Amino acid sequence: ALTWFFWLVSGRPDVEDKIVGEIRTVRAASQG
C-alpha cells in the first residue's frame, strides 16, 4: 500500500503540500 502511495504522491505536489500542512498543524497543536 505504501509503495504505491509514495509513487502517487511524488507526482502530485498539491497533495503532498496538503499532507505536510496537516502534519505541521497537528504537530503545532500538540507542542508542549
Full PDB file with SEQRES, HELIX, SHEET, SSBOND, CRYST1, ORIGX, SCALE, CONECT and MASTER records, all heavy atoms in Angstrom:
SEQRES   1 A   32  ALA LEU THR TRP PHE PHE TRP LEU VAL SER GLY ARG PRO          
SEQRES   2 A   32  ASP VAL GLU ASP LYS ILE VAL GLY GLU ILE ARG THR VAL          
SEQRES   3 A   32  ARG ALA ALA SER GLN GLY                                      
HELIX    1 AA1 LEU A    2  SER A   10  1                                   9    
HELIX    2 AA2 PRO A   13  ALA A   29  1                                  17    
CRYST1    1.000    1.000    1.000  90.00  90.00  90.00 P 1           1          
ORIGX1      1.000000  0.000000  0.000000        0.00000                         
ORIGX2      0.000000  1.000000  0.000000        0.00000                         
ORIGX3      0.000000  0.000000  1.000000        0.00000                         
SCALE1      1.000000  0.000000  0.000000        0.00000                         
SCALE2      0.000000  1.000000  0.000000        0.00000                         
SCALE3      0.000000  0.000000  1.000000        0.00000                         
ATOM      1  N   ALA A   1       0.827  -1.209   0.000  1.00  0.00           N  
ATOM      2  CA  ALA A   1       0.000   0.000   0.000  1.00  0.00           C  
ATOM      3  C   ALA A   1       0.861   1.260   0.000  1.00  0.00           C  
ATOM      4  O   ALA A   1       0.616   2.198  -0.771  1.00  0.00           O  
ATOM      5  CB  ALA A   1      -0.927  -0.013   1.216  1.00  0.00           C  
ATOM      6  N   LEU A   2       1.896   1.289   0.836  1.00  0.00           N  
ATOM      7  CA  LEU A   2       2.715   2.497   0.948  1.00  0.00           C  
ATOM      8  C   LEU A   2       3.646   2.682  -0.246  1.00  0.00           C  
ATOM      9  O   LEU A   2       3.989   3.818  -0.592  1.00  0.00           O  
ATOM     10  CB  LEU A   2       3.518   2.468   2.248  1.00  0.00           C  
ATOM     11  CG  LEU A   2       2.715   2.742   3.512  1.00  0.00           C  
ATOM     12  CD1 LEU A   2       3.626   2.743   4.738  1.00  0.00           C  
ATOM     13  CD2 LEU A   2       1.976   4.080   3.423  1.00  0.00           C  
ATOM     14  N   THR A   3       4.051   1.609  -0.871  1.00  0.00           N  
ATOM     15  CA  THR A   3       4.885   1.747  -2.075  1.00  0.00           C  
ATOM     16  C   THR A   3       4.137   2.534  -3.143  1.00  0.00           C  
ATOM     17  O   THR A   3       4.661   3.509  -3.708  1.00  0.00           O  
ATOM     18  CB  THR A   3       5.280   0.359  -2.626  1.00  0.00           C  
ATOM     19  OG1 THR A   3       6.120  -0.309  -1.677  1.00  0.00           O  
ATOM     20  CG2 THR A   3       6.034   0.485  -3.948  1.00  0.00           C  
ATOM     21  N   TRP A   4       2.904   2.154  -3.408  1.00  0.00           N  
ATOM     22  CA  TRP A   4       2.112   2.861  -4.421  1.00  0.00           C  
ATOM     23  C   TRP A   4       1.730   4.265  -3.941  1.00  0.00           C  
ATOM     24  O   TRP A   4       1.650   5.199  -4.749  1.00  0.00           O  
ATOM     25  CB  TRP A   4       0.871   2.045  -4.776  1.00  0.00           C  
ATOM     26  CG  TRP A   4       1.218   0.791  -5.501  1.00  0.00           C  
ATOM     27  CD1 TRP A   4       1.275  -0.481  -5.003  1.00  0.00           C  
ATOM     28  CD2 TRP A   4       1.629   0.694  -6.873  1.00  0.00           C  
ATOM     29  NE1 TRP A   4       1.675  -1.362  -5.967  1.00  0.00           N  
ATOM     30  CE2 TRP A   4       1.902  -0.683  -7.131  1.00  0.00           C  
ATOM     31  CE3 TRP A   4       1.785   1.608  -7.909  1.00  0.00           C  
ATOM     32  CZ2 TRP A   4       2.315  -1.135  -8.376  1.00  0.00           C  
ATOM     33  CZ3 TRP A   4       2.198   1.152  -9.159  1.00  0.00           C  
ATOM     34  CH2 TRP A   4       2.461  -0.200  -9.379  1.00  0.00           C  
ATOM     35  N   PHE A   5       1.539   4.428  -2.636  1.00  0.00           N  
ATOM     36  CA  PHE A   5       1.241   5.749  -2.084  1.00  0.00           C  
ATOM     37  C   PHE A   5       2.399   6.722  -2.339  1.00  0.00           C  
ATOM     38  O   PHE A   5       2.189   7.839  -2.819  1.00  0.00           O  
ATOM     39  CB  PHE A   5       0.969   5.632  -0.584  1.00  0.00           C  
ATOM     40  CG  PHE A   5       0.825   6.961   0.113  1.00  0.00           C  
ATOM     41  CD1 PHE A   5      -0.388   7.621   0.131  1.00  0.00           C  
ATOM     42  CD2 PHE A   5       1.915   7.562   0.744  1.00  0.00           C  
ATOM     43  CE1 PHE A   5      -0.524   8.855   0.766  1.00  0.00           C  
ATOM     44  CE2 PHE A   5       1.783   8.783   1.380  1.00  0.00           C  
ATOM     45  CZ  PHE A   5       0.567   9.433   1.386  1.00  0.00           C  
ATOM     46  N   PHE A   6       3.628   6.319  -2.013  1.00  0.00           N  
ATOM     47  CA  PHE A   6       4.785   7.187  -2.220  1.00  0.00           C  
ATOM     48  C   PHE A   6       4.927   7.555  -3.697  1.00  0.00           C  
ATOM     49  O   PHE A   6       5.259   8.694  -4.033  1.00  0.00           O  
ATOM     50  CB  PHE A   6       6.059   6.503  -1.715  1.00  0.00           C  
ATOM     51  CG  PHE A   6       6.355   6.749  -0.267  1.00  0.00           C  
ATOM     52  CD1 PHE A   6       5.695   6.039   0.727  1.00  0.00           C  
ATOM     53  CD2 PHE A   6       7.296   7.691   0.119  1.00  0.00           C  
ATOM     54  CE1 PHE A   6       5.964   6.257   2.066  1.00  0.00           C  
ATOM     55  CE2 PHE A   6       7.578   7.922   1.459  1.00  0.00           C  
ATOM     56  CZ  PHE A   6       6.915   7.209   2.439  1.00  0.00           C  
ATOM     57  N   TRP A   7       4.667   6.593  -4.573  1.00  0.00           N  
ATOM     58  CA  TRP A   7       4.777   6.880  -6.009  1.00  0.00           C  
ATOM     59  C   TRP A   7       3.687   7.858  -6.460  1.00  0.00           C  
ATOM     60  O   TRP A   7       3.978   8.827  -7.176  1.00  0.00           O  
ATOM     61  CB  TRP A   7       4.685   5.587  -6.816  1.00  0.00           C  
ATOM     62  CG  TRP A   7       4.643   5.839  -8.287  1.00  0.00           C  
ATOM     63  CD1 TRP A   7       5.661   6.259  -9.083  1.00  0.00           C  
ATOM     64  CD2 TRP A   7       3.481   5.719  -9.138  1.00  0.00           C  
ATOM     65  NE1 TRP A   7       5.229   6.408 -10.389  1.00  0.00           N  
ATOM     66  CE2 TRP A   7       3.907   6.082 -10.444  1.00  0.00           C  
ATOM     67  CE3 TRP A   7       2.160   5.330  -8.929  1.00  0.00           C  
ATOM     68  CZ2 TRP A   7       3.021   6.076 -11.532  1.00  0.00           C  
ATOM     69  CZ3 TRP A   7       1.292   5.319 -10.012  1.00  0.00           C  
ATOM     70  CH2 TRP A   7       1.715   5.690 -11.293  1.00  0.00           C  
ATOM     71  N   LEU A   8       2.462   7.662  -6.045  1.00  0.00           N  
ATOM     72  CA  LEU A   8       1.367   8.543  -6.436  1.00  0.00           C  
ATOM     73  C   LEU A   8       1.589   9.970  -5.938  1.00  0.00           C  
ATOM     74  O   LEU A   8       1.416  10.936  -6.684  1.00  0.00           O  
ATOM     75  CB  LEU A   8       0.044   7.998  -5.900  1.00  0.00           C  
ATOM     76  CG  LEU A   8      -0.571   6.810  -6.648  1.00  0.00           C  
ATOM     77  CD1 LEU A   8      -1.692   6.179  -5.836  1.00  0.00           C  
ATOM     78  CD2 LEU A   8      -1.074   7.223  -8.024  1.00  0.00           C  
ATOM     79  N   VAL A   9       1.970  10.112  -4.686  1.00  0.00           N  
ATOM     80  CA  VAL A   9       2.161  11.446  -4.111  1.00  0.00           C  
ATOM     81  C   VAL A   9       3.340  12.165  -4.767  1.00  0.00           C  
ATOM     82  O   VAL A   9       3.310  13.394  -4.928  1.00  0.00           O  
ATOM     83  CB  VAL A   9       2.358  11.358  -2.580  1.00  0.00           C  
ATOM     84  CG1 VAL A   9       2.722  12.726  -1.994  1.00  0.00           C  
ATOM     85  CG2 VAL A   9       1.084  10.831  -1.913  1.00  0.00           C  
ATOM     86  N   SER A  10       4.368  11.403  -5.202  1.00  0.00           N  
ATOM     87  CA  SER A  10       5.529  12.039  -5.834  1.00  0.00           C  
ATOM     88  C   SER A  10       5.140  12.777  -7.117  1.00  0.00           C  
ATOM     89  O   SER A  10       5.828  13.712  -7.531  1.00  0.00           O  
ATOM     90  CB  SER A  10       6.606  10.998  -6.142  1.00  0.00           C  
ATOM     91  OG  SER A  10       6.197  10.132  -7.189  1.00  0.00           O  
ATOM     92  N   GLY A  11       4.040  12.376  -7.734  1.00  0.00           N  
ATOM     93  CA  GLY A  11       3.583  13.035  -8.949  1.00  0.00           C  
ATOM     94  C   GLY A  11       2.502  14.071  -8.712  1.00  0.00           C  
ATOM     95  O   GLY A  11       1.981  14.657  -9.669  1.00  0.00           O  
ATOM     96  N   ARG A  12       2.164  14.300  -7.434  1.00  0.00           N  
ATOM     97  CA  ARG A  12       1.112  15.256  -7.089  1.00  0.00           C  
ATOM     98  C   ARG A  12       1.585  16.189  -5.984  1.00  0.00           C  
ATOM     99  O   ARG A  12       1.260  16.007  -4.812  1.00  0.00           O  
ATOM    100  CB  ARG A  12      -0.148  14.497  -6.661  1.00  0.00           C  
ATOM    101  CG  ARG A  12      -0.865  13.771  -7.787  1.00  0.00           C  
ATOM    102  CD  ARG A  12      -1.557  14.757  -8.726  1.00  0.00           C  
ATOM    103  NE  ARG A  12      -2.494  15.587  -8.013  1.00  0.00           N  
ATOM    104  CZ  ARG A  12      -3.761  15.235  -7.748  1.00  0.00           C  
ATOM    105  NH1 ARG A  12      -4.216  14.058  -8.162  1.00  0.00           N  
ATOM    106  NH2 ARG A  12      -4.555  16.059  -7.100  1.00  0.00           N  
ATOM    107  N   PRO A  13       2.378  17.220  -6.324  1.00  0.00           N  
ATOM    108  CA  PRO A  13       2.871  18.149  -5.293  1.00  0.00           C  
ATOM    109  C   PRO A  13       1.755  18.843  -4.530  1.00  0.00           C  
ATOM    110  O   PRO A  13       1.946  19.222  -3.367  1.00  0.00           O  
ATOM    111  CB  PRO A  13       3.720  19.141  -6.091  1.00  0.00           C  
ATOM    112  CG  PRO A  13       3.312  18.973  -7.522  1.00  0.00           C  
ATOM    113  CD  PRO A  13       2.890  17.557  -7.661  1.00  0.00           C  
ATOM    114  N   ASP A  14       0.577  19.018  -5.153  1.00  0.00           N  
ATOM    115  CA  ASP A  14      -0.533  19.651  -4.440  1.00  0.00           C  
ATOM    116  C   ASP A  14      -1.017  18.778  -3.289  1.00  0.00           C  
ATOM    117  O   ASP A  14      -1.320  19.271  -2.197  1.00  0.00           O  
ATOM    118  CB  ASP A  14      -1.678  19.951  -5.412  1.00  0.00           C  
ATOM    119  CG  ASP A  14      -2.188  18.700  -6.116  1.00  0.00           C  
ATOM    120  OD1 ASP A  14      -1.363  17.833  -6.494  1.00  0.00           O  
ATOM    121  OD2 ASP A  14      -3.423  18.577  -6.294  1.00  0.00           O  
ATOM    122  N   VAL A  15      -1.074  17.462  -3.534  1.00  0.00           N  
ATOM    123  CA  VAL A  15      -1.476  16.529  -2.478  1.00  0.00           C  
ATOM    124  C   VAL A  15      -0.406  16.490  -1.387  1.00  0.00           C  
ATOM    125  O   VAL A  15      -0.714  16.496  -0.188  1.00  0.00           O  
ATOM    126  CB  VAL A  15      -1.721  15.119  -3.061  1.00  0.00           C  
ATOM    127  CG1 VAL A  15      -1.928  14.099  -1.939  1.00  0.00           C  
ATOM    128  CG2 VAL A  15      -2.918  15.132  -4.002  1.00  0.00           C  
ATOM    129  N   GLU A  16       0.847  16.473  -1.812  1.00  0.00           N  
ATOM    130  CA  GLU A  16       1.944  16.448  -0.842  1.00  0.00           C  
ATOM    131  C   GLU A  16       1.892  17.676   0.069  1.00  0.00           C  
ATOM    132  O   GLU A  16       2.074  17.571   1.290  1.00  0.00           O  
ATOM    133  CB  GLU A  16       3.283  16.391  -1.567  1.00  0.00           C  
ATOM    134  CG  GLU A  16       4.489  16.338  -0.639  1.00  0.00           C  
ATOM    135  CD  GLU A  16       5.803  16.279  -1.394  1.00  0.00           C  
ATOM    136  OE1 GLU A  16       5.783  16.155  -2.637  1.00  0.00           O  
ATOM    137  OE2 GLU A  16       6.862  16.365  -0.733  1.00  0.00           O  
ATOM    138  N   ASP A  17       1.650  18.834  -0.507  1.00  0.00           N  
ATOM    139  CA  ASP A  17       1.579  20.063   0.287  1.00  0.00           C  
ATOM    140  C   ASP A  17       0.471  19.996   1.340  1.00  0.00           C  
ATOM    141  O   ASP A  17       0.641  20.449   2.483  1.00  0.00           O  
ATOM    142  CB  ASP A  17       1.352  21.274  -0.613  1.00  0.00           C  
ATOM    143  CG  ASP A  17       2.596  21.665  -1.404  1.00  0.00           C  
ATOM    144  OD1 ASP A  17       3.682  21.144  -1.090  1.00  0.00           O  
ATOM    145  OD2 ASP A  17       2.473  22.503  -2.333  1.00  0.00           O  
ATOM    146  N   LYS A  18      -0.671  19.443   0.967  1.00  0.00           N  
ATOM    147  CA  LYS A  18      -1.790  19.333   1.919  1.00  0.00           C  
ATOM    148  C   LYS A  18      -1.459  18.352   3.039  1.00  0.00           C  
ATOM    149  O   LYS A  18      -1.817  18.586   4.205  1.00  0.00           O  
ATOM    150  CB  LYS A  18      -3.055  18.910   1.182  1.00  0.00           C  
ATOM    151  CG  LYS A  18      -3.604  19.981   0.243  1.00  0.00           C  
ATOM    152  CD  LYS A  18      -4.823  19.471  -0.518  1.00  0.00           C  
ATOM    153  CE  LYS A  18      -5.328  20.530  -1.501  1.00  0.00           C  
ATOM    154  NZ  LYS A  18      -6.484  20.050  -2.304  1.00  0.00           N  
ATOM    155  N   ILE A  19      -0.776  17.271   2.692  1.00  0.00           N  
ATOM    156  CA  ILE A  19      -0.389  16.294   3.713  1.00  0.00           C  
ATOM    157  C   ILE A  19       0.591  16.926   4.698  1.00  0.00           C  
ATOM    158  O   ILE A  19       0.422  16.837   5.922  1.00  0.00           O  
ATOM    159  CB  ILE A  19       0.235  15.045   3.060  1.00  0.00           C  
ATOM    160  CG1 ILE A  19      -0.819  14.261   2.276  1.00  0.00           C  
ATOM    161  CG2 ILE A  19       0.877  14.144   4.121  1.00  0.00           C  
ATOM    162  CD1 ILE A  19      -0.244  13.120   1.450  1.00  0.00           C  
ATOM    163  N   VAL A  20       1.612  17.580   4.162  1.00  0.00           N  
ATOM    164  CA  VAL A  20       2.621  18.205   5.022  1.00  0.00           C  
ATOM    165  C   VAL A  20       1.996  19.314   5.867  1.00  0.00           C  
ATOM    166  O   VAL A  20       2.308  19.461   7.057  1.00  0.00           O  
ATOM    167  CB  VAL A  20       3.789  18.758   4.172  1.00  0.00           C  
ATOM    168  CG1 VAL A  20       4.781  19.520   5.046  1.00  0.00           C  
ATOM    169  CG2 VAL A  20       4.503  17.616   3.444  1.00  0.00           C  
ATOM    170  N   GLY A  21       1.103  20.092   5.259  1.00  0.00           N  
ATOM    171  CA  GLY A  21       0.428  21.148   6.015  1.00  0.00           C  
ATOM    172  C   GLY A  21      -0.353  20.594   7.183  1.00  0.00           C  
ATOM    173  O   GLY A  21      -0.339  21.151   8.296  1.00  0.00           O  
ATOM    174  N   GLU A  22      -1.062  19.489   6.968  1.00  0.00           N  
ATOM    175  CA  GLU A  22      -1.836  18.872   8.044  1.00  0.00           C  
ATOM    176  C   GLU A  22      -0.912  18.335   9.137  1.00  0.00           C  
ATOM    177  O   GLU A  22      -1.200  18.491  10.342  1.00  0.00           O  
ATOM    178  CB  GLU A  22      -2.697  17.743   7.491  1.00  0.00           C  
ATOM    179  CG  GLU A  22      -3.556  17.050   8.539  1.00  0.00           C  
ATOM    180  CD  GLU A  22      -4.437  15.973   7.941  1.00  0.00           C  
ATOM    181  OE1 GLU A  22      -3.891  14.959   7.447  1.00  0.00           O  
ATOM    182  OE2 GLU A  22      -5.669  16.136   7.968  1.00  0.00           O  
ATOM    183  N   ILE A  23       0.193  17.707   8.733  1.00  0.00           N  
ATOM    184  CA  ILE A  23       1.146  17.175   9.713  1.00  0.00           C  
ATOM    185  C   ILE A  23       1.675  18.294  10.602  1.00  0.00           C  
ATOM    186  O   ILE A  23       1.742  18.167  11.828  1.00  0.00           O  
ATOM    187  CB  ILE A  23       2.309  16.465   8.991  1.00  0.00           C  
ATOM    188  CG1 ILE A  23       1.803  15.196   8.288  1.00  0.00           C  
ATOM    189  CG2 ILE A  23       3.428  16.105   9.973  1.00  0.00           C  
ATOM    190  CD1 ILE A  23       2.808  14.585   7.333  1.00  0.00           C  
ATOM    191  N   ARG A  24       2.021  19.426   9.996  1.00  0.00           N  
ATOM    192  CA  ARG A  24       2.564  20.546  10.765  1.00  0.00           C  
ATOM    193  C   ARG A  24       1.512  21.168  11.677  1.00  0.00           C  
ATOM    194  O   ARG A  24       1.809  21.609  12.793  1.00  0.00           O  
ATOM    195  CB  ARG A  24       3.134  21.592   9.807  1.00  0.00           C  
ATOM    196  CG  ARG A  24       4.394  21.109   9.101  1.00  0.00           C  
ATOM    197  CD  ARG A  24       4.923  22.138   8.124  1.00  0.00           C  
ATOM    198  NE  ARG A  24       6.173  21.699   7.534  1.00  0.00           N  
ATOM    199  CZ  ARG A  24       6.802  22.337   6.551  1.00  0.00           C  
ATOM    200  NH1 ARG A  24       6.274  23.444   6.035  1.00  0.00           N  
ATOM    201  NH2 ARG A  24       7.944  21.880   6.066  1.00  0.00           N  
ATOM    202  N   THR A  25       0.277  21.199  11.221  1.00  0.00           N  
ATOM    203  CA  THR A  25      -0.808  21.729  12.051  1.00  0.00           C  
ATOM    204  C   THR A  25      -1.003  20.872  13.291  1.00  0.00           C  
ATOM    205  O   THR A  25      -1.151  21.387  14.408  1.00  0.00           O  
ATOM    206  CB  THR A  25      -2.121  21.792  11.239  1.00  0.00           C  
ATOM    207  OG1 THR A  25      -1.946  22.671  10.132  1.00  0.00           O  
ATOM    208  CG2 THR A  25      -3.269  22.272  12.103  1.00  0.00           C  
ATOM    209  N   VAL A  26      -1.011  19.555  13.098  1.00  0.00           N  
ATOM    210  CA  VAL A  26      -1.166  18.636  14.236  1.00  0.00           C  
ATOM    211  C   VAL A  26       0.025  18.750  15.177  1.00  0.00           C  
ATOM    212  O   VAL A  26      -0.135  18.765  16.404  1.00  0.00           O  
ATOM    213  CB  VAL A  26      -1.335  17.185  13.733  1.00  0.00           C  
ATOM    214  CG1 VAL A  26      -1.257  16.199  14.895  1.00  0.00           C  
ATOM    215  CG2 VAL A  26      -2.660  17.023  12.993  1.00  0.00           C  
ATOM    216  N   ARG A  27       1.217  18.851  14.611  1.00  0.00           N  
ATOM    217  CA  ARG A  27       2.426  18.968  15.440  1.00  0.00           C  
ATOM    218  C   ARG A  27       2.379  20.266  16.261  1.00  0.00           C  
ATOM    219  O   ARG A  27       2.692  20.269  17.452  1.00  0.00           O  
ATOM    220  CB  ARG A  27       3.667  18.937  14.564  1.00  0.00           C  
ATOM    221  CG  ARG A  27       4.976  19.080  15.322  1.00  0.00           C  
ATOM    222  CD  ARG A  27       5.261  17.861  16.168  1.00  0.00           C  
ATOM    223  NE  ARG A  27       5.893  16.804  15.403  1.00  0.00           N  
ATOM    224  CZ  ARG A  27       6.161  15.590  15.886  1.00  0.00           C  
ATOM    225  NH1 ARG A  27       5.831  15.295  17.136  1.00  0.00           N  
ATOM    226  NH2 ARG A  27       6.735  14.676  15.141  1.00  0.00           N  
ATOM    227  N   ALA A  28       1.986  21.344  15.617  1.00  0.00           N  
ATOM    228  CA  ALA A  28       1.931  22.633  16.312  1.00  0.00           C  
ATOM    229  C   ALA A  28       0.901  22.612  17.440  1.00  0.00           C  
ATOM    230  O   ALA A  28       1.112  23.188  18.514  1.00  0.00           O  
ATOM    231  CB  ALA A  28       1.605  23.745  15.323  1.00  0.00           C  
ATOM    232  N   ALA A  29      -0.229  21.940  17.200  1.00  0.00           N  
ATOM    233  CA  ALA A  29      -1.291  21.895  18.200  1.00  0.00           C  
ATOM    234  C   ALA A  29      -0.888  21.096  19.431  1.00  0.00           C  
ATOM    235  O   ALA A  29      -1.434  21.310  20.524  1.00  0.00           O  
ATOM    236  CB  ALA A  29      -2.553  21.288  17.586  1.00  0.00           C  
ATOM    237  N   SER A  30       0.070  20.188  19.266  1.00  0.00           N  
ATOM    238  CA  SER A  30       0.472  19.330  20.390  1.00  0.00           C  
ATOM    239  C   SER A  30       1.765  19.785  21.046  1.00  0.00           C  
ATOM    240  O   SER A  30       2.281  19.101  21.936  1.00  0.00           O  
ATOM    241  CB  SER A  30       0.622  17.884  19.916  1.00  0.00           C  
ATOM    242  OG  SER A  30       1.670  17.783  18.957  1.00  0.00           O  
ATOM    243  N   GLN A  31       2.322  20.899  20.598  1.00  0.00           N  
ATOM    244  CA  GLN A  31       3.562  21.393  21.200  1.00  0.00           C  
ATOM    245  C   GLN A  31       3.370  21.615  22.697  1.00  0.00           C  
ATOM    246  O   GLN A  31       2.426  22.250  23.137  1.00  0.00           O  
ATOM    247  CB  GLN A  31       3.984  22.717  20.542  1.00  0.00           C  
ATOM    248  CG  GLN A  31       4.506  22.566  19.120  1.00  0.00           C  
ATOM    249  CD  GLN A  31       5.810  21.775  19.045  1.00  0.00           C  
ATOM    250  OE1 GLN A  31       6.570  21.720  19.998  1.00  0.00           O  
ATOM    251  NE2 GLN A  31       6.050  21.174  17.899  1.00  0.00           N  
ATOM    252  N   GLY A  32       4.292  21.059  23.453  1.00  0.00           N  
ATOM    253  CA  GLY A  32       4.230  21.210  24.900  1.00  0.00           C  
ATOM    254  C   GLY A  32       3.428  20.139  25.601  1.00  0.00           C  
ATOM    255  O   GLY A  32       3.519  19.972  26.809  1.00  0.00           O  
TER     256      GLY A  32                                                      
MASTER        0    0    0    2    0    0    0    6  255    1    0    3          
END                                                                             
